[in-house]
Structures are given as structure tokens and as C-alpha cells.
Amino acid sequence: MSKAIKLSDELIRDAAVNGKAQHRSTPKQIEYWARLGKMAEENPDLPLSFIKGLLIGIEESKAGDVSVYQFG
């Protein structure tokens, strides 16, 4: 479901610049930041790099890019 919301011009500019560097549209960059922030707030003991890795793993799994982990 899409909704129109008001955001500051500064946030939109920052998202446009960062999104371009990450090959994301401005709205997708804002969604990414929101998702990252939500996960960080829900899991304050996890490092940001770990949370980013989780997000990448989720997307890899959705794309079918998974394999069985071999222990040892």
C-alpha cells in the first residue's frame, strides 16, 4: 500500500545522493533506511554491519540464492 507523506527537503536530498551511490531510487533508499532503523531499534545489541548482512541474506533468500551450510 502506498501513501503520500511529507518529508524534509534535506532528507530527500540525502536519500537521492545515497540512493544513487547504492543504485536505489530515492523512495527505495528511504524505505531501506526505515527498514534498517526499525531493525536496529528492535535489536539494539546487534551491530549495524550484522543487521545489513541480515537484510542482504533475506533478499538473497527471496531470490533463491541459497545453499546448505556445511559445518566443520
PDB file of N, CA and C in Angstrom:
ATOM      1  N   MET A   1       0.837  -1.170   0.000  1.00  0.00           N
ATOM      2  CA  MET A   1       0.000   0.000   0.000  1.00  0.00           C
ATOM      3  C   MET A   1       0.888   1.241   0.000  1.00  0.00           C
ATOM      4  N   SER A   2       0.659   2.131  -0.912  1.00  0.00           N
ATOM      5  CA  SER A   2       1.426   3.368  -0.991  1.00  0.00           C
ATOM      6  C   SER A   2       0.648   4.505  -0.351  1.00  0.00           C
ATOM      7  N   LYS A   3       1.382   5.388   0.294  1.00  0.00           N
ATOM      8  CA  LYS A   3       0.794   6.584   0.888  1.00  0.00           C
ATOM      9  C   LYS A   3       1.716   7.758   0.636  1.00  0.00           C
ATOM     10  N   ALA A   4       1.140   8.904   0.417  1.00  0.00           N
ATOM     11  CA  ALA A   4       1.923  10.127   0.277  1.00  0.00           C
ATOM     12  C   ALA A   4       2.202  10.667   1.678  1.00  0.00           C
ATOM     13  N   ILE A   5       3.473  10.966   1.938  1.00  0.00           N
ATOM     14  CA  ILE A   5       3.851  11.554   3.223  1.00  0.00           C
ATOM     15  C   ILE A   5       4.759  12.746   2.972  1.00  0.00           C
ATOM     16  N   LYS A   6       4.803  13.649   3.925  1.00  0.00           N
ATOM     17  CA  LYS A   6       5.671  14.811   3.806  1.00  0.00           C
ATOM     18  C   LYS A   6       6.999  14.511   4.481  1.00  0.00           C
ATOM     19  N   LEU A   7       8.076  14.754   3.749  1.00  0.00           N
ATOM     20  CA  LEU A   7       9.425  14.565   4.264  1.00  0.00           C
ATOM     21  C   LEU A   7      10.204  15.855   4.057  1.00  0.00           C
ATOM     22  N   SER A   8      11.207  16.053   4.875  1.00  0.00           N
ATOM     23  CA  SER A   8      12.019  17.268   4.733  1.00  0.00           C
ATOM     24  C   SER A   8      12.812  17.227   3.428  1.00  0.00           C
ATOM     25  N   ASP A   9      13.062  18.402   2.891  1.00  0.00           N
ATOM     26  CA  ASP A   9      13.871  18.503   1.668  1.00  0.00           C
ATOM     27  C   ASP A   9      15.270  17.939   1.898  1.00  0.00           C
ATOM     28  N   GLU A  10      15.797  18.152   3.101  1.00  0.00           N
ATOM     29  CA  GLU A  10      17.143  17.660   3.422  1.00  0.00           C
ATOM     30  C   GLU A  10      17.196  16.129   3.381  1.00  0.00           C
ATOM     31  N   LEU A  11      16.185  15.466   3.951  1.00  0.00           N
ATOM     32  CA  LEU A  11      16.141  14.009   3.922  1.00  0.00           C
ATOM     33  C   LEU A  11      16.045  13.505   2.487  1.00  0.00           C
ATOM     34  N   ILE A  12      15.225  14.140   1.689  1.00  0.00           N
ATOM     35  CA  ILE A  12      15.059  13.727   0.298  1.00  0.00           C
ATOM     36  C   ILE A  12      16.366  13.910  -0.467  1.00  0.00           C
ATOM     37  N   ARG A  13      17.062  15.024  -0.255  1.00  0.00           N
ATOM     38  CA  ARG A  13      18.361  15.250  -0.916  1.00  0.00           C
ATOM     39  C   ARG A  13      19.368  14.190  -0.494  1.00  0.00           C
ATOM     40  N   ASP A  14      19.442  13.931   0.813  1.00  0.00           N
ATOM     41  CA  ASP A  14      20.377  12.919   1.315  1.00  0.00           C
ATOM     42  C   ASP A  14      20.062  11.540   0.732  1.00  0.00           C
ATOM     43  N   ALA A  15      18.781  11.207   0.675  1.00  0.00           N
ATOM     44  CA  ALA A  15      18.373   9.910   0.136  1.00  0.00           C
ATOM     45  C   ALA A  15      18.691   9.817  -1.354  1.00  0.00           C
ATOM     46  N   ALA A  16      18.533  10.915  -2.076  1.00  0.00           N
ATOM     47  CA  ALA A  16      18.831  10.904  -3.514  1.00  0.00           C
ATOM     48  C   ALA A  16      20.317  10.637  -3.744  1.00  0.00           C
ATOM     49  N   VAL A  17      21.168  11.308  -2.977  1.00  0.00           N
ATOM     50  CA  VAL A  17      22.618  11.135  -3.127  1.00  0.00           C
ATOM     51  C   VAL A  17      23.038   9.723  -2.725  1.00  0.00           C
ATOM     52  N   ASN A  18      22.599   9.280  -1.555  1.00  0.00           N
ATOM     53  CA  ASN A  18      22.965   7.937  -1.084  1.00  0.00           C
ATOM     54  C   ASN A  18      22.351   6.856  -1.960  1.00  0.00           C
ATOM     55  N   GLY A  19      21.137   7.063  -2.393  1.00  0.00           N
ATOM     56  CA  GLY A  19      20.478   6.095  -3.255  1.00  0.00           C
ATOM     57  C   GLY A  19      21.202   5.934  -4.577  1.00  0.00           C
ATOM     58  N   LYS A  20      21.658   7.043  -5.125  1.00  0.00           N
ATOM     59  CA  LYS A  20      22.401   6.979  -6.393  1.00  0.00           C
ATOM     60  C   LYS A  20      23.665   6.143  -6.224  1.00  0.00           C
ATOM     61  N   ALA A  21      24.352   6.329  -5.119  1.00  0.00           N
ATOM     62  CA  ALA A  21      25.577   5.576  -4.855  1.00  0.00           C
ATOM     63  C   ALA A  21      25.293   4.083  -4.672  1.00  0.00           C
ATOM     64  N   GLN A  22      24.094   3.764  -4.181  1.00  0.00           N
ATOM     65  CA  GLN A  22      23.726   2.371  -3.930  1.00  0.00           C
ATOM     66  C   GLN A  22      22.834   1.793  -5.031  1.00  0.00           C
ATOM     67  N   HIS A  23      22.643   2.554  -6.098  1.00  0.00           N
ATOM     68  CA  HIS A  23      21.797   2.127  -7.223  1.00  0.00           C
ATOM     69  C   HIS A  23      20.354   1.889  -6.794  1.00  0.00           C
ATOM     70  N   ARG A  24      19.854   2.801  -5.938  1.00  0.00           N
ATOM     71  CA  ARG A  24      18.462   2.746  -5.492  1.00  0.00           C
ATOM     72  C   ARG A  24      17.792   4.064  -5.856  1.00  0.00           C
ATOM     73  N   SER A  25      16.496   4.005  -6.080  1.00  0.00           N
ATOM     74  CA  SER A  25      15.734   5.236  -6.274  1.00  0.00           C
ATOM     75  C   SER A  25      15.648   5.948  -4.920  1.00  0.00           C
ATOM     76  N   THR A  26      15.281   7.214  -4.949  1.00  0.00           N
ATOM     77  CA  THR A  26      15.145   7.969  -3.697  1.00  0.00           C
ATOM     78  C   THR A  26      14.123   7.317  -2.770  1.00  0.00           C
ATOM     79  N   PRO A  27      12.928   6.958  -3.254  1.00  0.00           N
ATOM     80  CA  PRO A  27      11.972   6.296  -2.346  1.00  0.00           C
ATOM     81  C   PRO A  27      12.487   4.962  -1.802  1.00  0.00           C
ATOM     82  N   LYS A  28      13.179   4.186  -2.637  1.00  0.00           N
ATOM     83  CA  LYS A  28      13.713   2.908  -2.169  1.00  0.00           C
ATOM     84  C   LYS A  28      14.806   3.112  -1.125  1.00  0.00           C
ATOM     85  N   GLN A  29      15.599   4.182  -1.263  1.00  0.00           N
ATOM     86  CA  GLN A  29      16.633   4.474  -0.272  1.00  0.00           C
ATOM     87  C   GLN A  29      15.988   4.817   1.062  1.00  0.00           C
ATOM     88  N   ILE A  30      14.925   5.602   1.030  1.00  0.00           N
ATOM     89  CA  ILE A  30      14.224   5.961   2.265  1.00  0.00           C
ATOM     90  C   ILE A  30      13.611   4.713   2.898  1.00  0.00           C
ATOM     91  N   GLU A  31      13.036   3.826   2.083  1.00  0.00           N
ATOM     92  CA  GLU A  31      12.494   2.571   2.603  1.00  0.00           C
ATOM     93  C   GLU A  31      13.602   1.735   3.250  1.00  0.00           C
ATOM     94  N   TYR A  32      14.762   1.690   2.607  1.00  0.00           N
ATOM     95  CA  TYR A  32      15.903   0.936   3.142  1.00  0.00           C
ATOM     96  C   TYR A  32      16.315   1.496   4.502  1.00  0.00           C
ATOM     97  N   TRP A  33      16.454   2.814   4.577  1.00  0.00           N
ATOM     98  CA  TRP A  33      16.825   3.430   5.848  1.00  0.00           C
ATOM     99  C   TRP A  33      15.787   3.143   6.926  1.00  0.00           C
ATOM    100  N   ALA A  34      14.522   3.198   6.566  1.00  0.00           N
ATOM    101  CA  ALA A  34      13.461   2.935   7.539  1.00  0.00           C
ATOM    102  C   ALA A  34      13.533   1.491   8.028  1.00  0.00           C
ATOM    103  N   ARG A  35      13.738   0.575   7.105  1.00  0.00           N
ATOM    104  CA  ARG A  35      13.823  -0.841   7.463  1.00  0.00           C
ATOM    105  C   ARG A  35      15.047  -1.104   8.342  1.00  0.00           C
ATOM    106  N   LEU A  36      16.170  -0.507   7.970  1.00  0.00           N
ATOM    107  CA  LEU A  36      17.399  -0.648   8.742  1.00  0.00           C
ATOM    108  C   LEU A  36      17.220  -0.065  10.145  1.00  0.00           C
ATOM    109  N   GLY A  37      16.633   1.106  10.224  1.00  0.00           N
ATOM    110  CA  GLY A  37      16.403   1.754  11.516  1.00  0.00           C
ATOM    111  C   GLY A  37      15.454   0.960  12.397  1.00  0.00           C
ATOM    112  N   LYS A  38      14.416   0.405  11.792  1.00  0.00           N
ATOM    113  CA  LYS A  38      13.454  -0.410  12.541  1.00  0.00           C
ATOM    114  C   LYS A  38      14.147  -1.632  13.123  1.00  0.00           C
ATOM    115  N   MET A  39      14.947  -2.308  12.300  1.00  0.00           N
ATOM    116  CA  MET A  39      15.657  -3.494  12.788  1.00  0.00           C
ATOM    117  C   MET A  39      16.664  -3.130  13.876  1.00  0.00           C
ATOM    118  N   ALA A  40      17.343  -2.010  13.713  1.00  0.00           N
ATOM    119  CA  ALA A  40      18.328  -1.583  14.715  1.00  0.00           C
ATOM    120  C   ALA A  40      17.637  -1.238  16.035  1.00  0.00           C
ATOM    121  N   GLU A  41      16.484  -0.611  15.949  1.00  0.00           N
ATOM    122  CA  GLU A  41      15.745  -0.255  17.158  1.00  0.00           C
ATOM    123  C   GLU A  41      15.206  -1.499  17.862  1.00  0.00           C
ATOM    124  N   GLU A  42      14.775  -2.489  17.086  1.00  0.00           N
ATOM    125  CA  GLU A  42      14.244  -3.721  17.661  1.00  0.00           C
ATOM    126  C   GLU A  42      15.335  -4.639  18.200  1.00  0.00           C
ATOM    127  N   ASN A  43      16.573  -4.439  17.738  1.00  0.00           N
ATOM    128  CA  ASN A  43      17.704  -5.288  18.126  1.00  0.00           C
ATOM    129  C   ASN A  43      18.896  -4.421  18.510  1.00  0.00           C
ATOM    130  N   PRO A  44      18.806  -3.691  19.614  1.00  0.00           N
ATOM    131  CA  PRO A  44      19.855  -2.726  19.954  1.00  0.00           C
ATOM    132  C   PRO A  44      21.226  -3.331  20.240  1.00  0.00           C
ATOM    133  N   ASP A  45      21.290  -4.624  20.506  1.00  0.00           N
ATOM    134  CA  ASP A  45      22.573  -5.261  20.807  1.00  0.00           C
ATOM    135  C   ASP A  45      23.321  -5.730  19.566  1.00  0.00           C
ATOM    136  N   LEU A  46      22.662  -5.674  18.395  1.00  0.00           N
ATOM    137  CA  LEU A  46      23.312  -6.137  17.165  1.00  0.00           C
ATOM    138  C   LEU A  46      24.049  -4.998  16.483  1.00  0.00           C
ATOM    139  N   PRO A  47      25.258  -5.254  15.991  1.00  0.00           N
ATOM    140  CA  PRO A  47      25.990  -4.224  15.245  1.00  0.00           C
ATOM    141  C   PRO A  47      25.278  -3.927  13.916  1.00  0.00           C
ATOM    142  N   LEU A  48      25.423  -2.708  13.450  1.00  0.00           N
ATOM    143  CA  LEU A  48      24.796  -2.289  12.194  1.00  0.00           C
ATOM    144  C   LEU A  48      25.246  -3.171  11.031  1.00  0.00           C
ATOM    145  N   SER A  49      26.525  -3.545  10.996  1.00  0.00           N
ATOM    146  CA  SER A  49      27.017  -4.387   9.907  1.00  0.00           C
ATOM    147  C   SER A  49      26.315  -5.747   9.898  1.00  0.00           C
ATOM    148  N   PHE A  50      25.982  -6.272  11.066  1.00  0.00           N
ATOM    149  CA  PHE A  50      25.265  -7.543  11.154  1.00  0.00           C
ATOM    150  C   PHE A  50      23.844  -7.389  10.620  1.00  0.00           C
ATOM    151  N   ILE A  51      23.190  -6.299  10.974  1.00  0.00           N
ATOM    152  CA  ILE A  51      21.828  -6.044  10.502  1.00  0.00           C
ATOM    153  C   ILE A  51      21.821  -5.883   8.984  1.00  0.00           C
ATOM    154  N   LYS A  52      22.798  -5.170   8.441  1.00  0.00           N
ATOM    155  CA  LYS A  52      22.893  -5.039   6.983  1.00  0.00           C
ATOM    156  C   LYS A  52      23.073  -6.405   6.336  1.00  0.00           C
ATOM    157  N   GLY A  53      23.887  -7.251   6.933  1.00  0.00           N
ATOM    158  CA  GLY A  53      24.080  -8.602   6.429  1.00  0.00           C
ATOM    159  C   GLY A  53      22.793  -9.413   6.443  1.00  0.00           C
ATOM    160  N   LEU A  54      21.992  -9.234   7.496  1.00  0.00           N
ATOM    161  CA  LEU A  54      20.697  -9.908   7.564  1.00  0.00           C
ATOM    162  C   LEU A  54      19.786  -9.467   6.416  1.00  0.00           C
ATOM    163  N   LEU A  55      19.750  -8.169   6.153  1.00  0.00           N
ATOM    164  CA  LEU A  55      18.917  -7.661   5.056  1.00  0.00           C
ATOM    165  C   LEU A  55      19.369  -8.232   3.711  1.00  0.00           C
ATOM    166  N   ILE A  56      20.667  -8.316   3.516  1.00  0.00           N
ATOM    167  CA  ILE A  56      21.190  -8.899   2.273  1.00  0.00           C
ATOM    168  C   ILE A  56      20.803 -10.376   2.201  1.00  0.00           C
ATOM    169  N   GLY A  57      20.952 -11.093   3.306  1.00  0.00           N
ATOM    170  CA  GLY A  57      20.595 -12.507   3.336  1.00  0.00           C
ATOM    171  C   GLY A  57      19.122 -12.745   3.044  1.00  0.00           C
ATOM    172  N   ILE A  58      18.264 -11.896   3.559  1.00  0.00           N
ATOM    173  CA  ILE A  58      16.824 -12.013   3.301  1.00  0.00           C
ATOM    174  C   ILE A  58      16.553 -11.870   1.809  1.00  0.00           C
ATOM    175  N   GLU A  59      17.167 -10.872   1.187  1.00  0.00           N
ATOM    176  CA  GLU A  59      16.945 -10.649  -0.246  1.00  0.00           C
ATOM    177  C   GLU A  59      17.543 -11.773  -1.087  1.00  0.00           C
ATOM    178  N   GLU A  60      18.702 -12.291  -0.678  1.00  0.00           N
ATOM    179  CA  GLU A  60      19.293 -13.426  -1.395  1.00  0.00           C
ATOM    180  C   GLU A  60      18.379 -14.643  -1.314  1.00  0.00           C
ATOM    181  N   SER A  61      17.814 -14.863  -0.146  1.00  0.00           N
ATOM    182  CA  SER A  61      16.900 -15.983   0.031  1.00  0.00           C
ATOM    183  C   SER A  61      15.657 -15.833  -0.838  1.00  0.00           C
ATOM    184  N   LYS A  62      15.104 -14.625  -0.891  1.00  0.00           N
ATOM    185  CA  LYS A  62      13.935 -14.364  -1.738  1.00  0.00           C
ATOM    186  C   LYS A  62      14.249 -14.621  -3.206  1.00  0.00           C
ATOM    187  N   ALA A  63      15.491 -14.358  -3.599  1.00  0.00           N
ATOM    188  CA  ALA A  63      15.901 -14.547  -4.986  1.00  0.00           C
ATOM    189  C   ALA A  63      16.289 -15.999  -5.292  1.00  0.00           C
ATOM    190  N   GLY A  64      16.237 -16.853  -4.264  1.00  0.00           N
ATOM    191  CA  GLY A  64      16.578 -18.253  -4.459  1.00  0.00           C
ATOM    192  C   GLY A  64      18.064 -18.541  -4.423  1.00  0.00           C
ATOM    193  N   ASP A  65      18.860 -17.573  -4.007  1.00  0.00           N
ATOM    194  CA  ASP A  65      20.312 -17.721  -3.950  1.00  0.00           C
ATOM    195  C   ASP A  65      20.700 -18.261  -2.570  1.00  0.00           C
ATOM    196  N   VAL A  66      20.402 -19.544  -2.344  1.00  0.00           N
ATOM    197  CA  VAL A  66      20.694 -20.167  -1.054  1.00  0.00           C
ATOM    198  C   VAL A  66      21.414 -21.497  -1.276  1.00  0.00           C
ATOM    199  N   SER A  67      22.150 -21.914  -0.288  1.00  0.00           N
ATOM    200  CA  SER A  67      22.816 -23.210  -0.335  1.00  0.00           C
ATOM    201  C   SER A  67      22.900 -23.753   1.093  1.00  0.00           C
ATOM    202  N   VAL A  68      23.096 -25.045   1.214  1.00  0.00           N
ATOM    203  CA  VAL A  68      23.208 -25.689   2.512  1.00  0.00           C
ATOM    204  C   VAL A  68      24.584 -25.365   3.080  1.00  0.00           C
ATOM    205  N   TYR A  69      24.608 -24.955   4.338  1.00  0.00           N
ATOM    206  CA  TYR A  69      25.875 -24.657   5.009  1.00  0.00           C
ATOM    207  C   TYR A  69      26.488 -25.947   5.518  1.00  0.00           C
ATOM    208  N   GLN A  70      27.755 -26.158   5.215  1.00  0.00           N
ATOM    209  CA  GLN A  70      28.486 -27.340   5.670  1.00  0.00           C
ATOM    210  C   GLN A  70      29.310 -26.971   6.892  1.00  0.00           C
ATOM    211  N   PHE A  71      28.973 -27.534   8.041  1.00  0.00           N
ATOM    212  CA  PHE A  71      29.721 -27.262   9.266  1.00  0.00           C
ATOM    213  C   PHE A  71      31.043 -28.030   9.259  1.00  0.00           C
ATOM    214  N   GLY A  72      32.070 -27.413   9.835  1.00  0.00           N
ATOM    215  CA  GLY A  72      33.353 -28.063  10.016  1.00  0.00           C
ATOM    216  C   GLY A  72      34.102 -28.130   8.774  1.00  0.00           C
TER     217      GLY A  72
END
